[in-house]
Full PDB file with SEQRES, HELIX, SHEET, SSBOND, CRYST1, ORIGX, SCALE, CONECT and MASTER records, all heavy atoms in Angstrom:
SEQRES   1 A   36  ARG ARG GLN GLN ASP ALA ALA LYS GLU ALA ARG ARG GLN          
SEQRES   2 A   36  GLU SER ALA ALA LYS ALA ALA LEU ARG ASP GLU LYS ARG          
SEQRES   3 A   36  LYS ALA ARG GLU ALA LYS LYS ALA SER LYS                      
HELIX    1 AA1 ARG A    2  SER A   35  1                                  34    
CRYST1    1.000    1.000    1.000  90.00  90.00  90.00 P 1           1          
ORIGX1      1.000000  0.000000  0.000000        0.00000                         
ORIGX2      0.000000  1.000000  0.000000        0.00000                         
ORIGX3      0.000000  0.000000  1.000000        0.00000                         
SCALE1      1.000000  0.000000  0.000000        0.00000                         
SCALE2      0.000000  1.000000  0.000000        0.00000                         
SCALE3      0.000000  0.000000  1.000000        0.00000                         
ATOM      1  N   ARG A   1      71.266-119.488-114.548  1.00  0.00           N  
ATOM      2  CA  ARG A   1      70.940-118.285-113.787  1.00  0.00           C  
ATOM      3  C   ARG A   1      71.228-118.484-112.304  1.00  0.00           C  
ATOM      4  O   ARG A   1      71.797-117.609-111.644  1.00  0.00           O  
ATOM      5  CB  ARG A   1      69.454-117.954-114.009  1.00  0.00           C  
ATOM      6  CG  ARG A   1      68.927-116.719-113.294  1.00  0.00           C  
ATOM      7  CD  ARG A   1      69.493-115.417-113.781  1.00  0.00           C  
ATOM      8  NE  ARG A   1      69.566-115.258-115.221  1.00  0.00           N  
ATOM      9  CZ  ARG A   1      68.612-114.787-116.000  1.00  0.00           C  
ATOM     10  NH1 ARG A   1      67.474-114.389-115.486  1.00  0.00           N  
ATOM     11  NH2 ARG A   1      68.790-114.668-117.292  1.00  0.00           N  
ATOM     12  N   ARG A   2      70.871-119.680-111.768  1.00  0.00           N  
ATOM     13  CA  ARG A   2      71.173-119.966-110.359  1.00  0.00           C  
ATOM     14  C   ARG A   2      72.682-119.944-110.100  1.00  0.00           C  
ATOM     15  O   ARG A   2      73.166-119.415-109.104  1.00  0.00           O  
ATOM     16  CB  ARG A   2      70.579-121.318-109.943  1.00  0.00           C  
ATOM     17  CG  ARG A   2      69.078-121.276-109.683  1.00  0.00           C  
ATOM     18  CD  ARG A   2      68.596-122.565-109.026  1.00  0.00           C  
ATOM     19  NE  ARG A   2      68.620-123.712-109.907  1.00  0.00           N  
ATOM     20  CZ  ARG A   2      67.624-124.084-110.719  1.00  0.00           C  
ATOM     21  NH1 ARG A   2      66.513-123.375-110.730  1.00  0.00           N  
ATOM     22  NH2 ARG A   2      67.737-125.144-111.507  1.00  0.00           N  
ATOM     23  N   GLN A   3      73.442-120.558-111.019  1.00  0.00           N  
ATOM     24  CA  GLN A   3      74.895-120.570-110.861  1.00  0.00           C  
ATOM     25  C   GLN A   3      75.475-119.171-110.945  1.00  0.00           C  
ATOM     26  O   GLN A   3      76.385-118.839-110.173  1.00  0.00           O  
ATOM     27  CB  GLN A   3      75.524-121.476-111.943  1.00  0.00           C  
ATOM     28  CG  GLN A   3      75.245-122.949-111.724  1.00  0.00           C  
ATOM     29  CD  GLN A   3      75.761-123.796-112.881  1.00  0.00           C  
ATOM     30  OE1 GLN A   3      76.273-123.298-113.866  1.00  0.00           O  
ATOM     31  NE2 GLN A   3      75.612-125.102-112.747  1.00  0.00           N  
ATOM     32  N   GLN A   4      74.972-118.353-111.873  1.00  0.00           N  
ATOM     33  CA  GLN A   4      75.432-116.978-111.983  1.00  0.00           C  
ATOM     34  C   GLN A   4      75.122-116.212-110.707  1.00  0.00           C  
ATOM     35  O   GLN A   4      75.963-115.441-110.217  1.00  0.00           O  
ATOM     36  CB  GLN A   4      74.778-116.286-113.195  1.00  0.00           C  
ATOM     37  CG  GLN A   4      75.311-116.778-114.515  1.00  0.00           C  
ATOM     38  CD  GLN A   4      74.529-116.218-115.695  1.00  0.00           C  
ATOM     39  OE1 GLN A   4      73.369-115.844-115.592  1.00  0.00           O  
ATOM     40  NE2 GLN A   4      75.185-116.127-116.849  1.00  0.00           N  
ATOM     41  N   ASP A   5      73.905-116.410-110.174  1.00  0.00           N  
ATOM     42  CA  ASP A   5      73.522-115.740-108.932  1.00  0.00           C  
ATOM     43  C   ASP A   5      74.431-116.182-107.775  1.00  0.00           C  
ATOM     44  O   ASP A   5      74.847-115.366-106.954  1.00  0.00           O  
ATOM     45  CB  ASP A   5      72.069-115.978-108.597  1.00  0.00           C  
ATOM     46  CG  ASP A   5      71.105-115.277-109.558  1.00  0.00           C  
ATOM     47  OD1 ASP A   5      71.557-114.361-110.295  1.00  0.00           O  
ATOM     48  OD2 ASP A   5      69.904-115.616-109.564  1.00  0.00           O  
ATOM     49  N   ALA A   6      74.710-117.500-107.700  1.00  0.00           N  
ATOM     50  CA  ALA A   6      75.570-118.030-106.651  1.00  0.00           C  
ATOM     51  C   ALA A   6      76.979-117.455-106.800  1.00  0.00           C  
ATOM     52  O   ALA A   6      77.607-117.083-105.787  1.00  0.00           O  
ATOM     53  CB  ALA A   6      75.606-119.559-106.710  1.00  0.00           C  
ATOM     54  N   ALA A   7      77.489-117.363-108.030  1.00  0.00           N  
ATOM     55  CA  ALA A   7      78.808-116.797-108.259  1.00  0.00           C  
ATOM     56  C   ALA A   7      78.842-115.326-107.867  1.00  0.00           C  
ATOM     57  O   ALA A   7      79.808-114.851-107.257  1.00  0.00           O  
ATOM     58  CB  ALA A   7      79.224-116.973-109.717  1.00  0.00           C  
ATOM     59  N   LYS A   8      77.791-114.623-108.213  1.00  0.00           N  
ATOM     60  CA  LYS A   8      77.692-113.204-107.861  1.00  0.00           C  
ATOM     61  C   LYS A   8      77.680-113.022-106.348  1.00  0.00           C  
ATOM     62  O   LYS A   8      78.378-112.161-105.804  1.00  0.00           O  
ATOM     63  CB  LYS A   8      76.428-112.615-108.478  1.00  0.00           C  
ATOM     64  CG  LYS A   8      76.293-111.125-108.347  1.00  0.00           C  
ATOM     65  CD  LYS A   8      75.031-110.682-109.086  1.00  0.00           C  
ATOM     66  CE  LYS A   8      74.848-109.171-109.032  1.00  0.00           C  
ATOM     67  NZ  LYS A   8      73.636-108.743-109.753  1.00  0.00           N  
ATOM     68  N   GLU A   9      76.926-113.889-105.652  1.00  0.00           N  
ATOM     69  CA  GLU A   9      76.868-113.817-104.189  1.00  0.00           C  
ATOM     70  C   GLU A   9      78.227-114.179-103.596  1.00  0.00           C  
ATOM     71  O   GLU A   9      78.689-113.537-102.636  1.00  0.00           O  
ATOM     72  CB  GLU A   9      75.784-114.779-103.665  1.00  0.00           C  
ATOM     73  CG  GLU A   9      75.689-114.839-102.172  1.00  0.00           C  
ATOM     74  CD  GLU A   9      75.309-113.517-101.521  1.00  0.00           C  
ATOM     75  OE1 GLU A   9      74.754-112.616-102.173  1.00  0.00           O  
ATOM     76  OE2 GLU A   9      75.580-113.385-100.304  1.00  0.00           O  
ATOM     77  N   ALA A  10      78.907-115.156-104.185  1.00  0.00           N  
ATOM     78  CA  ALA A  10      80.255-115.546-103.687  1.00  0.00           C  
ATOM     79  C   ALA A  10      81.225-114.384-103.862  1.00  0.00           C  
ATOM     80  O   ALA A  10      82.033-114.104-102.958  1.00  0.00           O  
ATOM     81  CB  ALA A  10      80.738-116.778-104.413  1.00  0.00           C  
ATOM     82  N   ARG A  11      81.163-113.690-104.996  1.00  0.00           N  
ATOM     83  CA  ARG A  11      82.026-112.538-105.230  1.00  0.00           C  
ATOM     84  C   ARG A  11      81.700-111.425-104.234  1.00  0.00           C  
ATOM     85  O   ARG A  11      82.602-110.760-103.702  1.00  0.00           O  
ATOM     86  CB  ARG A  11      81.866-112.004-106.673  1.00  0.00           C  
ATOM     87  CG  ARG A  11      82.550-112.879-107.710  1.00  0.00           C  
ATOM     88  CD  ARG A  11      82.616-112.195-109.070  1.00  0.00           C  
ATOM     89  NE  ARG A  11      81.305-111.813-109.597  1.00  0.00           N  
ATOM     90  CZ  ARG A  11      80.527-112.585-110.341  1.00  0.00           C  
ATOM     91  NH1 ARG A  11      80.928-113.824-110.639  1.00  0.00           N  
ATOM     92  NH2 ARG A  11      79.363-112.157-110.788  1.00  0.00           N  
ATOM     93  N   ARG A  12      80.403-111.219-103.957  1.00  0.00           N  
ATOM     94  CA  ARG A  12      80.017-110.197-103.013  1.00  0.00           C  
ATOM     95  C   ARG A  12      80.558-110.538-101.599  1.00  0.00           C  
ATOM     96  O   ARG A  12      81.108-109.673-100.918  1.00  0.00           O  
ATOM     97  CB  ARG A  12      78.491-110.060-102.969  1.00  0.00           C  
ATOM     98  CG  ARG A  12      78.003-108.897-102.108  1.00  0.00           C  
ATOM     99  CD  ARG A  12      76.523-108.996-101.798  1.00  0.00           C  
ATOM    100  NE  ARG A  12      76.179-110.133-100.963  1.00  0.00           N  
ATOM    101  CZ  ARG A  12      76.444-110.256 -99.665  1.00  0.00           C  
ATOM    102  NH1 ARG A  12      77.100-109.304 -99.031  1.00  0.00           N  
ATOM    103  NH2 ARG A  12      76.063-111.310 -98.991  1.00  0.00           N  
ATOM    104  N   GLN A  13      80.421-111.791-101.223  1.00  0.00           N  
ATOM    105  CA  GLN A  13      80.922-112.218 -99.924  1.00  0.00           C  
ATOM    106  C   GLN A  13      82.435-112.106 -99.858  1.00  0.00           C  
ATOM    107  O   GLN A  13      82.998-111.691 -98.821  1.00  0.00           O  
ATOM    108  CB  GLN A  13      80.477-113.653 -99.595  1.00  0.00           C  
ATOM    109  CG  GLN A  13      78.994-113.769 -99.307  1.00  0.00           C  
ATOM    110  CD  GLN A  13      78.563-115.196 -99.047  1.00  0.00           C  
ATOM    111  OE1 GLN A  13      79.360-116.113 -99.052  1.00  0.00           O  
ATOM    112  NE2 GLN A  13      77.256-115.385 -98.797  1.00  0.00           N  
ATOM    113  N   GLU A  14      83.116-112.477-100.933  1.00  0.00           N  
ATOM    114  CA  GLU A  14      84.578-112.370-100.967  1.00  0.00           C  
ATOM    115  C   GLU A  14      84.996-110.917-100.838  1.00  0.00           C  
ATOM    116  O   GLU A  14      85.907-110.581-100.082  1.00  0.00           O  
ATOM    117  CB  GLU A  14      85.115-112.970-102.265  1.00  0.00           C  
ATOM    118  CG  GLU A  14      86.618-112.931-102.381  1.00  0.00           C  
ATOM    119  CD  GLU A  14      87.130-113.478-103.710  1.00  0.00           C  
ATOM    120  OE1 GLU A  14      86.302-113.844-104.576  1.00  0.00           O  
ATOM    121  OE2 GLU A  14      88.357-113.511-103.902  1.00  0.00           O  
ATOM    122  N   SER A  15      84.292-110.053-101.552  1.00  0.00           N  
ATOM    123  CA  SER A  15      84.602-108.630-101.497  1.00  0.00           C  
ATOM    124  C   SER A  15      84.344-108.099-100.077  1.00  0.00           C  
ATOM    125  O   SER A  15      85.151-107.316 -99.547  1.00  0.00           O  
ATOM    126  CB  SER A  15      83.729-107.870-102.520  1.00  0.00           C  
ATOM    127  OG  SER A  15      83.982-106.490-102.440  1.00  0.00           O  
ATOM    128  N   ALA A  16      83.262-108.513 -99.451  1.00  0.00           N  
ATOM    129  CA  ALA A  16      82.954-108.077 -98.093  1.00  0.00           C  
ATOM    130  C   ALA A  16      84.019-108.592 -97.113  1.00  0.00           C  
ATOM    131  O   ALA A  16      84.435-107.875 -96.199  1.00  0.00           O  
ATOM    132  CB  ALA A  16      81.569-108.571 -97.698  1.00  0.00           C  
ATOM    133  N   ALA A  17      84.467-109.847 -97.325  1.00  0.00           N  
ATOM    134  CA  ALA A  17      85.478-110.416 -96.449  1.00  0.00           C  
ATOM    135  C   ALA A  17      86.799-109.665 -96.605  1.00  0.00           C  
ATOM    136  O   ALA A  17      87.486-109.378 -95.607  1.00  0.00           O  
ATOM    137  CB  ALA A  17      85.679-111.905 -96.769  1.00  0.00           C  
ATOM    138  N   LYS A  18      87.151-109.310 -97.844  1.00  0.00           N  
ATOM    139  CA  LYS A  18      88.376-108.536 -98.080  1.00  0.00           C  
ATOM    140  C   LYS A  18      88.272-107.165 -97.407  1.00  0.00           C  
ATOM    141  O   LYS A  18      89.236-106.689 -96.809  1.00  0.00           O  
ATOM    142  CB  LYS A  18      88.629-108.382 -99.576  1.00  0.00           C  
ATOM    143  CG  LYS A  18      89.181-109.625-100.234  1.00  0.00           C  
ATOM    144  CD  LYS A  18      89.418-109.379-101.735  1.00  0.00           C  
ATOM    145  CE  LYS A  18      89.939-110.616-102.414  1.00  0.00           C  
ATOM    146  NZ  LYS A  18      90.139-110.380-103.860  1.00  0.00           N  
ATOM    147  N   ALA A  19      87.121-106.555 -97.544  1.00  0.00           N  
ATOM    148  CA  ALA A  19      86.914-105.238 -96.932  1.00  0.00           C  
ATOM    149  C   ALA A  19      87.020-105.352 -95.413  1.00  0.00           C  
ATOM    150  O   ALA A  19      87.643-104.495 -94.750  1.00  0.00           O  
ATOM    151  CB  ALA A  19      85.576-104.665 -97.339  1.00  0.00           C  
ATOM    152  N   ALA A  20      86.428-106.405 -94.853  1.00  0.00           N  
ATOM    153  CA  ALA A  20      86.499-106.618 -93.414  1.00  0.00           C  
ATOM    154  C   ALA A  20      87.954-106.850 -92.987  1.00  0.00           C  
ATOM    155  O   ALA A  20      88.388-106.325 -91.944  1.00  0.00           O  
ATOM    156  CB  ALA A  20      85.605-107.798 -93.017  1.00  0.00           C  
ATOM    157  N   LEU A  21      88.700-107.625 -93.778  1.00  0.00           N  
ATOM    158  CA  LEU A  21      90.094-107.881 -93.468  1.00  0.00           C  
ATOM    159  C   LEU A  21      90.919-106.583 -93.513  1.00  0.00           C  
ATOM    160  O   LEU A  21      91.730-106.314 -92.628  1.00  0.00           O  
ATOM    161  CB  LEU A  21      90.662-108.920 -94.436  1.00  0.00           C  
ATOM    162  CG  LEU A  21      92.117-109.327 -94.235  1.00  0.00           C  
ATOM    163  CD1 LEU A  21      92.305-109.958 -92.850  1.00  0.00           C  
ATOM    164  CD2 LEU A  21      92.548-110.294 -95.317  1.00  0.00           C  
ATOM    165  N   ARG A  22      90.680-105.780 -94.540  1.00  0.00           N  
ATOM    166  CA  ARG A  22      91.362-104.491 -94.650  1.00  0.00           C  
ATOM    167  C   ARG A  22      91.030-103.608 -93.443  1.00  0.00           C  
ATOM    168  O   ARG A  22      91.902-102.942 -92.850  1.00  0.00           O  
ATOM    169  CB  ARG A  22      90.985-103.775 -95.940  1.00  0.00           C  
ATOM    170  CG  ARG A  22      91.654-104.293 -97.179  1.00  0.00           C  
ATOM    171  CD  ARG A  22      91.465-103.360 -98.378  1.00  0.00           C  
ATOM    172  NE  ARG A  22      90.078-103.060 -98.662  1.00  0.00           N  
ATOM    173  CZ  ARG A  22      89.266-103.738 -99.482  1.00  0.00           C  
ATOM    174  NH1 ARG A  22      89.756-104.796-100.117  1.00  0.00           N  
ATOM    175  NH2 ARG A  22      88.029-103.366 -99.671  1.00  0.00           N  
ATOM    176  N   ASP A  23      89.770-103.622 -93.084  1.00  0.00           N  
ATOM    177  CA  ASP A  23      89.331-102.826 -91.940  1.00  0.00           C  
ATOM    178  C   ASP A  23      90.009-103.309 -90.655  1.00  0.00           C  
ATOM    179  O   ASP A  23      90.462-102.485 -89.820  1.00  0.00           O  
ATOM    180  CB  ASP A  23      87.801-102.911 -91.815  1.00  0.00           C  
ATOM    181  CG  ASP A  23      87.247-101.883 -90.872  1.00  0.00           C  
ATOM    182  OD1 ASP A  23      87.755-100.752 -90.860  1.00  0.00           O  
ATOM    183  OD2 ASP A  23      86.271-102.220 -90.145  1.00  0.00           O  
ATOM    184  N   GLU A  24      90.088-104.644 -90.479  1.00  0.00           N  
ATOM    185  CA  GLU A  24      90.741-105.205 -89.294  1.00  0.00           C  
ATOM    186  C   GLU A  24      92.227-104.840 -89.290  1.00  0.00           C  
ATOM    187  O   GLU A  24      92.786-104.470 -88.227  1.00  0.00           O  
ATOM    188  CB  GLU A  24      90.597-106.740 -89.278  1.00  0.00           C  
ATOM    189  CG  GLU A  24      89.211-107.207 -88.918  1.00  0.00           C  
ATOM    190  CD  GLU A  24      88.774-106.803 -87.528  1.00  0.00           C  
ATOM    191  OE1 GLU A  24      89.603-106.843 -86.591  1.00  0.00           O  
ATOM    192  OE2 GLU A  24      87.607-106.417 -87.362  1.00  0.00           O  
ATOM    193  N   LYS A  25      92.879-104.916 -90.437  1.00  0.00           N  
ATOM    194  CA  LYS A  25      94.293-104.545 -90.507  1.00  0.00           C  
ATOM    195  C   LYS A  25      94.488-103.078 -90.175  1.00  0.00           C  
ATOM    196  O   LYS A  25      95.411-102.689 -89.457  1.00  0.00           O  
ATOM    197  CB  LYS A  25      94.857-104.824 -91.914  1.00  0.00           C  
ATOM    198  CG  LYS A  25      95.124-106.300 -92.183  1.00  0.00           C  
ATOM    199  CD  LYS A  25      95.708-106.480 -93.585  1.00  0.00           C  
ATOM    200  CE  LYS A  25      96.002-107.911 -93.892  1.00  0.00           C  
ATOM    201  NZ  LYS A  25      96.564-108.077 -95.240  1.00  0.00           N  
ATOM    202  N   ARG A  26      93.599-102.263 -90.694  1.00  0.00           N  
ATOM    203  CA  ARG A  26      93.678-100.820 -90.431  1.00  0.00           C  
ATOM    204  C   ARG A  26      93.508-100.563 -88.939  1.00  0.00           C  
ATOM    205  O   ARG A  26      94.289 -99.800 -88.325  1.00  0.00           O  
ATOM    206  CB  ARG A  26      92.616-100.056 -91.226  1.00  0.00           C  
ATOM    207  CG  ARG A  26      92.634 -98.553 -91.013  1.00  0.00           C  
ATOM    208  CD  ARG A  26      91.519 -97.838 -91.750  1.00  0.00           C  
ATOM    209  NE  ARG A  26      90.193 -98.389 -91.486  1.00  0.00           N  
ATOM    210  CZ  ARG A  26      89.454 -98.129 -90.379  1.00  0.00           C  
ATOM    211  NH1 ARG A  26      89.950 -97.386 -89.428  1.00  0.00           N  
ATOM    212  NH2 ARG A  26      88.261 -98.644 -90.239  1.00  0.00           N  
ATOM    213  N   LYS A  27      92.519-101.216 -88.332  1.00  0.00           N  
ATOM    214  CA  LYS A  27      92.288-101.050 -86.891  1.00  0.00           C  
ATOM    215  C   LYS A  27      93.506-101.543 -86.100  1.00  0.00           C  
ATOM    216  O   LYS A  27      93.881-100.931 -85.097  1.00  0.00           O  
ATOM    217  CB  LYS A  27      91.023-101.799 -86.455  1.00  0.00           C  
ATOM    218  CG  LYS A  27      89.751-101.111 -86.886  1.00  0.00           C  
ATOM    219  CD  LYS A  27      88.542-101.899 -86.388  1.00  0.00           C  
ATOM    220  CE  LYS A  27      87.256-101.261 -86.896  1.00  0.00           C  
ATOM    221  NZ  LYS A  27      86.072-102.027 -86.493  1.00  0.00           N  
ATOM    222  N   ALA A  28      94.091-102.664 -86.557  1.00  0.00           N  
ATOM    223  CA  ALA A  28      95.257-103.196 -85.848  1.00  0.00           C  
ATOM    224  C   ALA A  28      96.428-102.209 -85.954  1.00  0.00           C  
ATOM    225  O   ALA A  28      97.136-101.999 -84.950  1.00  0.00           O  
ATOM    226  CB  ALA A  28      95.659-104.544 -86.435  1.00  0.00           C  
ATOM    227  N   ARG A  29      96.630-101.601 -87.137  1.00  0.00           N  
ATOM    228  CA  ARG A  29      97.693-100.634 -87.285  1.00  0.00           C  
ATOM    229  C   ARG A  29      97.432 -99.413 -86.381  1.00  0.00           C  
ATOM    230  O   ARG A  29      98.335 -98.901 -85.728  1.00  0.00           O  
ATOM    231  CB  ARG A  29      97.809-100.186 -88.746  1.00  0.00           C  
ATOM    232  CG  ARG A  29      98.557-101.140 -89.626  1.00  0.00           C  
ATOM    233  CD  ARG A  29      98.917-100.551 -90.972  1.00  0.00           C  
ATOM    234  NE  ARG A  29      97.811 -99.929 -91.698  1.00  0.00           N  
ATOM    235  CZ  ARG A  29      96.989-100.558 -92.535  1.00  0.00           C  
ATOM    236  NH1 ARG A  29      97.140-101.853 -92.764  1.00  0.00           N  
ATOM    237  NH2 ARG A  29      96.027 -99.901 -93.130  1.00  0.00           N  
ATOM    238  N   GLU A  30      96.168 -98.970 -86.400  1.00  0.00           N  
ATOM    239  CA  GLU A  30      95.818 -97.815 -85.553  1.00  0.00           C  
ATOM    240  C   GLU A  30      96.034 -98.138 -84.070  1.00  0.00           C  
ATOM    241  O   GLU A  30      96.519 -97.290 -83.318  1.00  0.00           O  
ATOM    242  CB  GLU A  30      94.383 -97.373 -85.822  1.00  0.00           C  
ATOM    243  CG  GLU A  30      94.190 -96.712 -87.158  1.00  0.00           C  
ATOM    244  CD  GLU A  30      92.711 -96.364 -87.436  1.00  0.00           C  
ATOM    245  OE1 GLU A  30      91.855 -96.705 -86.617  1.00  0.00           O  
ATOM    246  OE2 GLU A  30      92.441 -95.794 -88.496  1.00  0.00           O  
ATOM    247  N   ALA A  31      95.655 -99.352 -83.708  1.00  0.00           N  
ATOM    248  CA  ALA A  31      95.813 -99.755 -82.300  1.00  0.00           C  
ATOM    249  C   ALA A  31      97.313 -99.837 -81.946  1.00  0.00           C  
ATOM    250  O   ALA A  31      97.733 -99.428 -80.840  1.00  0.00           O  
ATOM    251  CB  ALA A  31      95.142-101.098 -82.046  1.00  0.00           C  
ATOM    252  N   LYS A  32      98.106-100.308 -82.878  1.00  0.00           N  
ATOM    253  CA  LYS A  32      99.554-100.432 -82.674  1.00  0.00           C  
ATOM    254  C   LYS A  32     100.159 -99.033 -82.526  1.00  0.00           C  
ATOM    255  O   LYS A  32     101.003 -98.806 -81.668  1.00  0.00           O  
ATOM    256  CB  LYS A  32     100.171-101.184 -83.860  1.00  0.00           C  
ATOM    257  CG  LYS A  32     101.575-101.615 -83.612  1.00  0.00           C  
ATOM    258  CD  LYS A  32     102.032-102.477 -84.794  1.00  0.00           C  
ATOM    259  CE  LYS A  32     103.427-102.955 -84.610  1.00  0.00           C  
ATOM    260  NZ  LYS A  32     103.933-103.734 -85.722  1.00  0.00           N  
ATOM    261  N   LYS A  33      99.693 -98.100 -83.403  1.00  0.00           N  
ATOM    262  CA  LYS A  33     100.187 -96.723 -83.312  1.00  0.00           C  
ATOM    263  C   LYS A  33      99.806 -96.093 -82.003  1.00  0.00           C  
ATOM    264  O   LYS A  33     100.577 -95.398 -81.344  1.00  0.00           O  
ATOM    265  CB  LYS A  33      99.606 -95.889 -84.448  1.00  0.00           C  
ATOM    266  CG  LYS A  33     100.368 -95.886 -85.721  1.00  0.00           C  
ATOM    267  CD  LYS A  33      99.704 -94.900 -86.679  1.00  0.00           C  
ATOM    268  CE  LYS A  33     100.347 -94.937 -88.035  1.00  0.00           C  
ATOM    269  NZ  LYS A  33      99.716 -93.989 -88.942  1.00  0.00           N  
ATOM    270  N   ALA A  34      98.579 -96.366 -81.565  1.00  0.00           N  
ATOM    271  CA  ALA A  34      98.094 -95.784 -80.334  1.00  0.00           C  
ATOM    272  C   ALA A  34      98.859 -96.336 -79.149  1.00  0.00           C  
ATOM    273  O   ALA A  34      99.112 -95.638 -78.155  1.00  0.00           O  
ATOM    274  CB  ALA A  34      96.611 -96.034 -80.190  1.00  0.00           C  
ATOM    275  N   SER A  35      99.256 -97.602 -79.217  1.00  0.00           N  
ATOM    276  CA  SER A  35      99.951 -98.177 -78.108  1.00  0.00           C  
ATOM    277  C   SER A  35     101.408 -97.666 -78.040  1.00  0.00           C  
ATOM    278  O   SER A  35     101.988 -97.630 -76.972  1.00  0.00           O  
ATOM    279  CB  SER A  35      99.942 -99.701 -78.179  1.00  0.00           C  
ATOM    280  OG  SER A  35     100.717-100.138 -79.272  1.00  0.00           O  
ATOM    281  N   LYS A  36     101.961 -97.262 -79.150  1.00  0.00           N  
ATOM    282  CA  LYS A  36     103.314 -96.721 -79.179  1.00  0.00           C  
ATOM    283  C   LYS A  36     103.343 -95.308 -78.616  1.00  0.00           C  
ATOM    284  O   LYS A  36     104.328 -94.865 -78.106  1.00  0.00           O  
ATOM    285  CB  LYS A  36     103.874 -96.698 -80.604  1.00  0.00           C  
ATOM    286  CG  LYS A  36     104.274 -98.075 -81.087  1.00  0.00           C  
ATOM    287  CD  LYS A  36     104.902 -97.947 -82.476  1.00  0.00           C  
ATOM    288  CE  LYS A  36     105.327 -99.316 -82.971  1.00  0.00           C  
ATOM    289  NZ  LYS A  36     105.925 -99.244 -84.297  1.00  0.00           N  
TER     290      LYS A  36                                                      
MASTER        0    0    0    1    0    0    0    6  289    1    0    3          
END                                                                             
């Protein structure tokens, strides 16, 4: 159960990190567009 909970938390963190990365890329693209 502890291992399953740890795996679930790791998946949640990975998903959050991917979402944050997508958000950063989106912001970078928007910033690039704005600068052009």
